Each structure stands twice: as C-alpha cells, then as structure tokens.
Amino acid sequence: MRAFVAEKNGDGVERGLRDDFPMDGLGEGDVLVRVAFSSVNYKDALATIPKGQVARISPLIPGIDLAGTDEDSGEELLAHGYELGVSHHGGYAEYAKVRSDWVVPLPDGLSARQAMAIGTAGYTAARCVIALENAGLRPESGPVLVTGAGGGVGSTAVDILAARGYEVVAATGKDPEFVRALGAAEVISREEAAGDAGRPLEKSRWAGAVDCVGGDVLAGVLRSLRYGGAVAACGNAGGVKLPTTVLPFILRGVSLLGVDSVQTPIAERTETWRRLATDLRPPHLEEAIAREIELDGLEDALSAILRGELAGRTIVRVGG
C-alpha cells in the first residue's frame, strides 16, 4: 500500500512516500480502516525530524488523526490521539489498524473530509471551550483572548467562540485578516499578549483565554486575566517553562486549566465529537481548509508547518 513513512537513518530521519509498505506491518489493532482523509499537524512534522521527540518507533507512518471506513462493518469512523502517529502507525497511509476503543463513529452531520478539517486541532479547541465554560465563562463575562490564533487550534477556537457570542481577541503573528474573517473582534501581536515580564500583575483584560503557545505568552495571559478568570492551556510552541509567580492565582483567583487531546477517555471524546457536529460546530469549516493535498504533498507541507508558514487547516486526501 502507499504510505508516507519516516525512518531513522543514523543520526537523521529519512521521510517520504513509499508505494510498497507491507499491510502486515501496520501493527496490532482489531479495526482495519480504509483511510479517506487525515490532516497536517505540528506534531506530525515533529515525528519526522531527528530532534522532534515524538516518534517512538521506526519506521513510523505519521498522522495523529484519520477518518475513513471500517473494512469489516462499512461504518464510517474517525480516530485520533492515543498512540496514533507516535508509537502506532497513523493516518498517512491507505490503511490503518487501530484499537476498537480508540474509534469514534463519524457523527451525523459531518463527512470524513469535514471531520479532518476539524481534526485533532479542532477537537482540542472544542475541549478548551468546554473547559472554560465549565469554569463559568459566558459571553457576558468579557473579552476572551486566543493566542496562536493563526494555527489550527487557535483559528478553530476563534471560530467556535465567536459563533457562541464571545468577544474574541486574537493574538497572532500571521495574517490578521484570516482570523478577522473567522469572527475575531480585535487582533493583537504576540508581544502584546506576552506583556511585560518584569511585572507580576498587569492590567486586568481577559475574562478567559485559550492559550496555544505556552512559555512567556501564557505567563503574560495569566498576569492579565480578570478576577476569577481562567485560561485553557493546550500548547507549548513558545516553550515548556512557565515564568510566572503565584500572584495571579492568590490575588485574582485565576485558574489554569490544562487541556489534553491525546488520552481523553473515549466516552468524553465521543461526546465532544457529537458537539462538534452540533452546537460546537465551527461555522467557517470550509473556509478553515486553507489547502487540500495528497500523500505526495506531505513533504512540503510538513516542512512549511515547522517553519510556521501554515495558517488554517491542511487536510490530506488519502483515499478516493
């Protein structure tokens, strides 16, 4: 079968499209999926470079999400997270074997293509919105900041929040018109979101935030939250260290909510996808698809996302 494969070679990694990857090399799994679509995520690119610290097996078929058809039952389904594209072959191949307890039935109202336009990135955005609303955030609470708003998670978060009536402020170094078209009321720079690192607290601005960056930016968001505000943190592109103090927590009562998209229990995962097809459905789903490629376009797309050059979603058409 055709598959895009990353394989260690000494201190380097060779990656590319192969036409003869063996079906019996797909690993363990009780569901054989004919893959229709996958998508391009930053984590997928990290799985293909020597110092990416993502790949746990070699060779590896990357692709942390996939949508397709169960070859036995004919049921349309999707799968993402868990070990896919890390220690288990993922979605960049014509077929995948997955465990049945990783599988989510494709919800009514979403095609396989639309599900991968949402993908892991959109799922993560939805989990962030759910976490914030569970913490009490409402549209009348005040402005909500989304950092890394030009990326897959951030742009979907902007889209979902704006559709739910929030005043969304987007922080991005990419094209501001892209996030304005998704409903952002204001666009600010990364530097403004990070603020002044020398101050333990800054002016109260945000009722809530979705942070896709981490590092100095997340620290700045915490310093700028309103009393009782919360930030849902889901990314670390800006670094894994958090240079902050306890003052935002003990003087303003703010909350830092960690959001994981990899190991979410399957019942919660299925419910989140049901909501992504209904009340959390991103209204600009088609517009969010910045590009559609096939397996032979992955080399360029993975390089581009590592350089920070991709905005919006890149989906991968694998099957017919």
Protein backbone atom coordinates (compact mmCIF):
# COMPACT_ATOMS: atom_id res chain seq x y z
CA MET A 1 0.00 0.00 0.00
CA ARG A 2 1.01 3.65 -0.34
CA ALA A 3 2.22 5.27 2.84
CA PHE A 4 4.25 8.30 3.89
CA VAL A 5 6.98 6.92 6.14
CA ALA A 6 9.59 8.39 8.47
CA GLU A 7 12.51 6.12 9.30
CA LYS A 8 15.65 6.68 11.35
CA ASN A 9 18.92 6.54 9.44
CA GLY A 10 21.88 7.00 11.76
CA ASP A 11 21.53 10.44 13.32
CA GLY A 12 18.99 11.54 10.73
CA VAL A 13 15.50 10.64 9.57
CA GLU A 14 14.51 9.71 6.03
CA ARG A 15 10.93 10.55 5.17
CA GLY A 16 8.94 10.16 2.02
CA LEU A 17 6.20 8.37 0.12
CA ARG A 18 6.51 4.62 -0.39
CA ASP A 19 4.36 2.53 -2.71
CA ASP A 20 5.13 -0.84 -1.17
CA PHE A 21 4.64 -0.57 2.58
CA PRO A 22 3.51 -4.04 3.75
CA MET A 23 -0.04 -4.38 5.06
CA ASP A 24 1.20 -6.83 7.67
CA GLY A 25 3.47 -4.11 9.03
CA LEU A 26 0.60 -1.97 10.33
CA GLY A 27 0.88 -3.28 13.87
CA GLU A 28 -1.78 -4.52 16.25
CA GLY A 29 -5.40 -3.43 16.10
CA ASP A 30 -8.80 -5.08 15.74
CA VAL A 31 -10.23 -2.50 13.32
CA LEU A 32 -8.86 -2.22 9.78
CA VAL A 33 -9.63 1.23 8.42
CA ARG A 34 -9.55 2.29 4.79
CA VAL A 35 -8.32 5.84 5.33
CA ALA A 36 -10.11 8.60 3.42
CA PHE A 37 -8.60 11.73 4.99
CA SER A 38 -6.02 12.84 7.51
CA SER A 39 -4.57 16.27 8.28
CA VAL A 40 -1.29 18.07 8.91
CA ASN A 41 -0.42 18.94 12.50
CA TYR A 42 2.73 20.33 14.07
CA LYS A 43 3.14 17.08 15.99
CA ASP A 44 3.15 15.16 12.71
CA ALA A 45 6.04 17.25 11.47
CA LEU A 46 7.96 16.72 14.72
CA ALA A 47 7.58 12.97 14.23
CA THR A 48 9.65 13.22 11.04
CA ILE A 49 12.72 15.11 12.27
CA PRO A 50 15.70 13.86 14.31
CA LYS A 51 15.12 16.03 17.39
CA GLY A 52 11.33 16.06 17.27
CA GLN A 53 10.96 13.80 20.34
CA VAL A 54 7.64 12.45 19.07
CA ALA A 55 8.30 9.21 17.15
CA ARG A 56 8.60 6.14 19.35
CA ILE A 57 9.01 3.53 16.61
CA SER A 58 10.92 3.36 13.35
CA PRO A 59 9.79 3.13 10.67
CA LEU A 60 6.70 5.21 11.53
CA ILE A 61 3.71 6.23 9.46
CA PRO A 62 2.86 9.65 10.95
CA GLY A 63 -0.61 11.16 11.08
CA ILE A 64 -2.15 11.65 14.51
CA ASP A 65 -5.68 11.65 13.13
CA LEU A 66 -7.62 9.84 10.43
CA ALA A 67 -11.12 9.34 9.11
CA GLY A 68 -12.32 6.51 6.93
CA THR A 69 -14.32 3.30 6.77
CA ASP A 70 -14.19 0.13 8.82
CA GLU A 71 -13.37 -2.54 6.21
CA ASP A 72 -15.45 -5.16 8.02
CA SER A 73 -18.59 -3.26 9.02
CA GLY A 74 -18.60 -0.47 6.44
CA GLU A 75 -19.13 2.04 9.26
CA GLU A 76 -17.62 5.49 8.83
CA LEU A 77 -15.38 6.41 11.75
CA LEU A 78 -12.58 8.61 12.95
CA ALA A 79 -9.66 8.15 15.32
CA HIS A 80 -7.03 10.44 16.74
CA GLY A 81 -4.68 10.78 19.67
CA TYR A 82 -3.79 7.87 21.91
CA GLU A 83 -0.72 6.29 20.24
CA LEU A 84 -1.52 7.14 16.60
CA GLY A 85 1.39 8.63 14.70
CA VAL A 86 3.67 8.22 17.73
CA SER A 87 4.15 4.59 18.74
CA HIS A 88 1.47 3.20 16.41
CA HIS A 89 1.21 3.79 12.67
CA GLY A 90 -1.10 6.70 11.87
CA GLY A 91 -3.19 8.23 9.13
CA TYR A 92 -0.70 8.89 6.32
CA ALA A 93 -1.41 5.58 4.60
CA GLU A 94 -4.16 3.95 2.58
CA TYR A 95 -4.97 1.66 5.51
CA ALA A 96 -4.58 1.78 9.28
CA LYS A 97 -5.12 -0.75 12.04
CA VAL A 98 -6.49 0.74 15.25
CA ARG A 99 -7.88 -0.50 18.51
CA SER A 100 -11.66 -0.53 18.76
CA ASP A 101 -11.53 1.55 21.95
CA TRP A 102 -9.80 4.36 20.02
CA VAL A 103 -12.61 4.64 17.47
CA VAL A 104 -15.33 7.30 17.34
CA PRO A 105 -18.27 6.73 14.96
CA LEU A 106 -18.41 9.59 12.48
CA PRO A 107 -21.17 11.81 13.90
CA ASP A 108 -24.25 12.66 11.86
CA GLY A 109 -23.76 15.92 10.02
CA LEU A 110 -20.02 15.55 9.41
CA SER A 111 -18.33 14.00 6.40
CA ALA A 112 -14.91 12.37 6.72
CA ARG A 113 -13.42 15.40 4.97
CA GLN A 114 -15.10 17.83 7.38
CA ALA A 115 -14.05 15.73 10.37
CA MET A 116 -10.42 16.05 9.31
CA ALA A 117 -10.87 19.77 8.65
CA ILE A 118 -11.63 19.81 12.37
CA GLY A 119 -9.16 17.06 13.26
CA THR A 120 -7.07 16.94 16.40
CA ALA A 121 -6.65 20.70 16.24
CA GLY A 122 -10.36 21.48 16.20
CA TYR A 123 -11.07 18.80 18.78
CA THR A 124 -8.51 20.43 21.07
CA ALA A 125 -10.11 23.82 20.52
CA ALA A 126 -13.50 22.39 21.44
CA ARG A 127 -12.07 20.84 24.62
CA CYS A 128 -10.68 24.27 25.54
CA VAL A 129 -14.07 25.94 25.07
CA ILE A 130 -15.76 23.21 27.12
CA ALA A 131 -13.20 23.62 29.92
CA LEU A 132 -13.68 27.40 30.03
CA GLU A 133 -17.46 27.18 30.03
CA ASN A 134 -17.35 24.51 32.74
CA ALA A 135 -15.30 27.03 34.75
CA GLY A 136 -18.08 29.60 34.38
CA LEU A 137 -17.11 31.61 31.30
CA ARG A 138 -20.04 33.15 29.43
CA PRO A 139 -20.28 35.66 26.57
CA GLU A 140 -21.29 38.40 29.01
CA SER A 141 -18.17 37.76 31.13
CA GLY A 142 -15.98 39.89 28.87
CA PRO A 143 -13.37 39.54 26.11
CA VAL A 144 -11.68 36.20 25.50
CA LEU A 145 -8.11 36.03 24.22
CA VAL A 146 -6.89 33.30 21.86
CA THR A 147 -3.13 33.06 21.46
CA GLY A 148 -1.53 31.35 18.47
CA ALA A 149 -4.76 32.24 16.69
CA GLY A 150 -3.39 31.68 13.20
CA GLY A 151 -2.74 27.98 13.81
CA GLY A 152 -5.13 25.06 13.60
CA VAL A 153 -6.19 25.02 17.25
CA GLY A 154 -6.28 28.78 17.66
CA SER A 155 -8.20 29.54 14.49
CA THR A 156 -10.85 26.93 15.31
CA ALA A 157 -11.14 28.31 18.84
CA VAL A 158 -11.73 31.78 17.40
CA ASP A 159 -14.40 30.38 15.09
CA ILE A 160 -16.24 28.45 17.82
CA LEU A 161 -16.08 31.21 20.43
CA ALA A 162 -17.23 33.95 18.04
CA ALA A 163 -20.16 31.80 16.93
CA ARG A 164 -21.16 31.38 20.58
CA GLY A 165 -21.34 35.13 21.06
CA TYR A 166 -17.99 35.87 22.68
CA GLU A 167 -15.92 38.97 22.02
CA VAL A 168 -12.77 37.30 20.74
CA VAL A 169 -9.35 38.94 20.68
CA ALA A 170 -6.85 37.03 18.56
CA ALA A 171 -3.09 37.15 19.13
CA THR A 172 -1.13 36.09 16.07
CA GLY A 173 1.92 36.90 14.02
CA LYS A 174 0.20 35.72 10.85
CA ASP A 175 -2.31 37.35 8.51
CA PRO A 176 -4.77 39.27 10.71
CA GLU A 177 -7.48 39.18 8.05
CA PHE A 178 -7.66 35.41 8.32
CA VAL A 179 -8.76 35.49 11.98
CA ARG A 180 -10.98 38.54 11.47
CA ALA A 181 -12.86 36.55 8.83
CA LEU A 182 -13.46 33.86 11.47
CA GLY A 183 -15.03 36.39 13.83
CA ALA A 184 -12.19 37.96 15.82
CA ALA A 185 -13.24 41.40 17.03
CA GLU A 186 -9.63 42.53 17.50
CA VAL A 187 -6.17 41.27 16.54
CA ILE A 188 -3.09 41.92 18.67
CA SER A 189 0.56 40.88 18.41
CA ARG A 190 2.24 38.07 20.28
CA GLU A 191 4.32 40.67 22.08
CA GLU A 192 1.22 42.46 23.36
CA ALA A 193 -0.22 39.16 24.59
CA ALA A 194 3.03 38.37 26.42
CA GLY A 195 3.14 41.82 28.04
CA ASP A 196 5.87 42.98 30.40
CA ALA A 197 7.64 40.02 32.00
CA GLY A 198 9.02 42.30 34.70
CA ARG A 199 5.60 42.88 36.22
CA PRO A 200 3.96 40.27 38.48
CA LEU A 201 0.49 41.54 37.51
CA GLU A 202 -0.78 43.63 34.62
CA LYS A 203 -4.00 45.43 33.82
CA SER A 204 -7.00 43.09 34.01
CA ARG A 205 -8.14 42.48 30.46
CA TRP A 206 -9.32 38.95 29.73
CA ALA A 207 -12.31 37.15 31.16
CA GLY A 208 -10.85 33.96 29.75
CA ALA A 209 -8.30 32.72 27.28
CA VAL A 210 -7.32 29.81 25.08
CA ASP A 211 -3.54 29.57 25.03
CA CYS A 212 -1.89 27.56 22.26
CA VAL A 213 1.63 28.89 22.84
CA GLY A 214 2.82 28.41 26.43
CA GLY A 215 6.02 29.96 27.77
CA ASP A 216 6.22 33.74 28.10
CA VAL A 217 2.90 34.22 26.33
CA LEU A 218 0.98 32.03 28.77
CA ALA A 219 2.68 33.83 31.67
CA GLY A 220 1.52 37.15 30.20
CA VAL A 221 -2.02 35.88 29.81
CA LEU A 222 -2.13 34.82 33.45
CA ARG A 223 -0.92 38.26 34.57
CA SER A 224 -3.71 39.89 32.53
CA LEU A 225 -6.72 37.78 33.48
CA ARG A 226 -9.62 39.44 35.22
CA TYR A 227 -10.58 38.41 38.74
CA GLY A 228 -11.83 34.81 38.66
CA GLY A 229 -10.82 34.35 35.02
CA ALA A 230 -9.44 31.16 33.53
CA VAL A 231 -7.09 30.15 30.75
CA ALA A 232 -7.27 26.79 28.97
CA ALA A 233 -3.68 25.84 28.07
CA CYS A 234 -3.14 23.33 25.28
CA GLY A 235 0.15 24.14 23.52
CA ASN A 236 3.86 24.68 24.07
CA ALA A 237 5.18 26.09 20.80
CA GLY A 238 6.59 29.01 22.83
CA GLY A 239 8.34 26.77 25.34
CA VAL A 240 7.54 24.42 28.20
CA LYS A 241 8.72 26.64 31.04
CA LEU A 242 6.21 28.95 32.71
CA PRO A 243 7.96 32.05 34.10
CA THR A 244 5.29 33.38 36.42
CA THR A 245 4.51 33.95 40.09
CA VAL A 246 1.69 32.80 42.35
CA LEU A 247 0.23 36.32 42.48
CA PRO A 248 -2.37 35.95 39.68
CA PHE A 249 -3.68 32.88 41.48
CA ILE A 250 -3.83 34.22 45.03
CA LEU A 251 -4.68 37.88 44.33
CA ARG A 252 -7.07 37.46 41.42
CA GLY A 253 -8.25 33.90 41.94
CA VAL A 254 -7.49 32.89 38.36
CA SER A 255 -7.45 29.30 37.10
CA LEU A 256 -5.04 27.50 34.80
CA LEU A 257 -6.88 24.66 33.07
CA GLY A 258 -4.75 22.02 31.36
CA VAL A 259 -6.34 20.59 28.21
CA ASP A 260 -5.20 17.24 26.82
CA SER A 261 -6.39 15.87 23.49
CA VAL A 262 -4.36 12.64 23.44
CA GLN A 263 -5.69 10.50 26.27
CA THR A 264 -9.26 11.79 26.65
CA PRO A 265 -11.47 8.86 27.72
CA ILE A 266 -13.42 7.53 24.75
CA ALA A 267 -16.86 8.42 26.19
CA GLU A 268 -15.87 12.08 26.60
CA ARG A 269 -14.19 12.01 23.19
CA THR A 270 -17.32 10.70 21.51
CA GLU A 271 -19.47 13.33 23.24
CA THR A 272 -17.09 16.11 22.20
CA TRP A 273 -17.34 14.97 18.57
CA ARG A 274 -21.13 14.90 18.85
CA ARG A 275 -20.98 18.53 19.95
CA LEU A 276 -18.52 19.38 17.16
CA ALA A 277 -21.20 18.25 14.76
CA THR A 278 -23.89 20.31 16.54
CA ASP A 279 -23.57 23.24 18.96
CA LEU A 280 -19.74 23.48 18.81
CA ARG A 281 -19.54 23.09 15.05
CA PRO A 282 -17.14 25.72 13.61
CA PRO A 283 -19.30 27.78 11.23
CA HIS A 284 -16.40 28.54 8.86
CA LEU A 285 -15.43 24.90 8.49
CA GLU A 286 -14.95 25.03 4.73
CA GLU A 287 -13.12 28.37 4.85
CA ALA A 288 -10.77 26.95 7.51
CA ILE A 289 -9.41 24.49 4.97
CA ALA A 290 -6.51 26.50 3.66
CA ARG A 291 -5.32 23.70 1.39
CA GLU A 292 -6.03 20.10 0.45
CA ILE A 293 -3.13 17.87 -0.52
CA GLU A 294 -2.48 14.21 -1.28
CA LEU A 295 0.19 11.98 0.21
CA ASP A 296 2.79 13.23 -2.26
CA GLY A 297 2.30 16.78 -0.96
CA LEU A 298 3.20 15.93 2.62
CA GLU A 299 6.93 16.60 2.30
CA ASP A 300 6.40 20.28 1.53
CA ALA A 301 3.52 20.72 3.99
CA LEU A 302 5.44 19.23 6.93
CA SER A 303 8.42 21.45 6.21
CA ALA A 304 6.17 24.50 5.97
CA ILE A 305 4.43 23.88 9.30
CA LEU A 306 7.80 23.53 11.02
CA ARG A 307 8.74 26.95 9.63
CA GLY A 308 5.49 28.42 10.95
CA GLU A 309 4.24 29.14 7.45
CA LEU A 310 0.88 27.34 7.52
CA ALA A 311 -2.29 29.16 8.55
CA GLY A 312 -5.60 27.37 8.86
CA ARG A 313 -6.02 23.68 8.22
CA THR A 314 -4.24 21.48 5.71
CA ILE A 315 -6.13 18.25 5.06
CA VAL A 316 -4.70 15.18 3.36
CA ARG A 317 -6.81 13.26 0.87
CA VAL A 318 -5.61 9.69 1.23
CA GLY A 319 -8.35 7.58 -0.36
CA GLY A 320 -10.64 8.20 -3.28
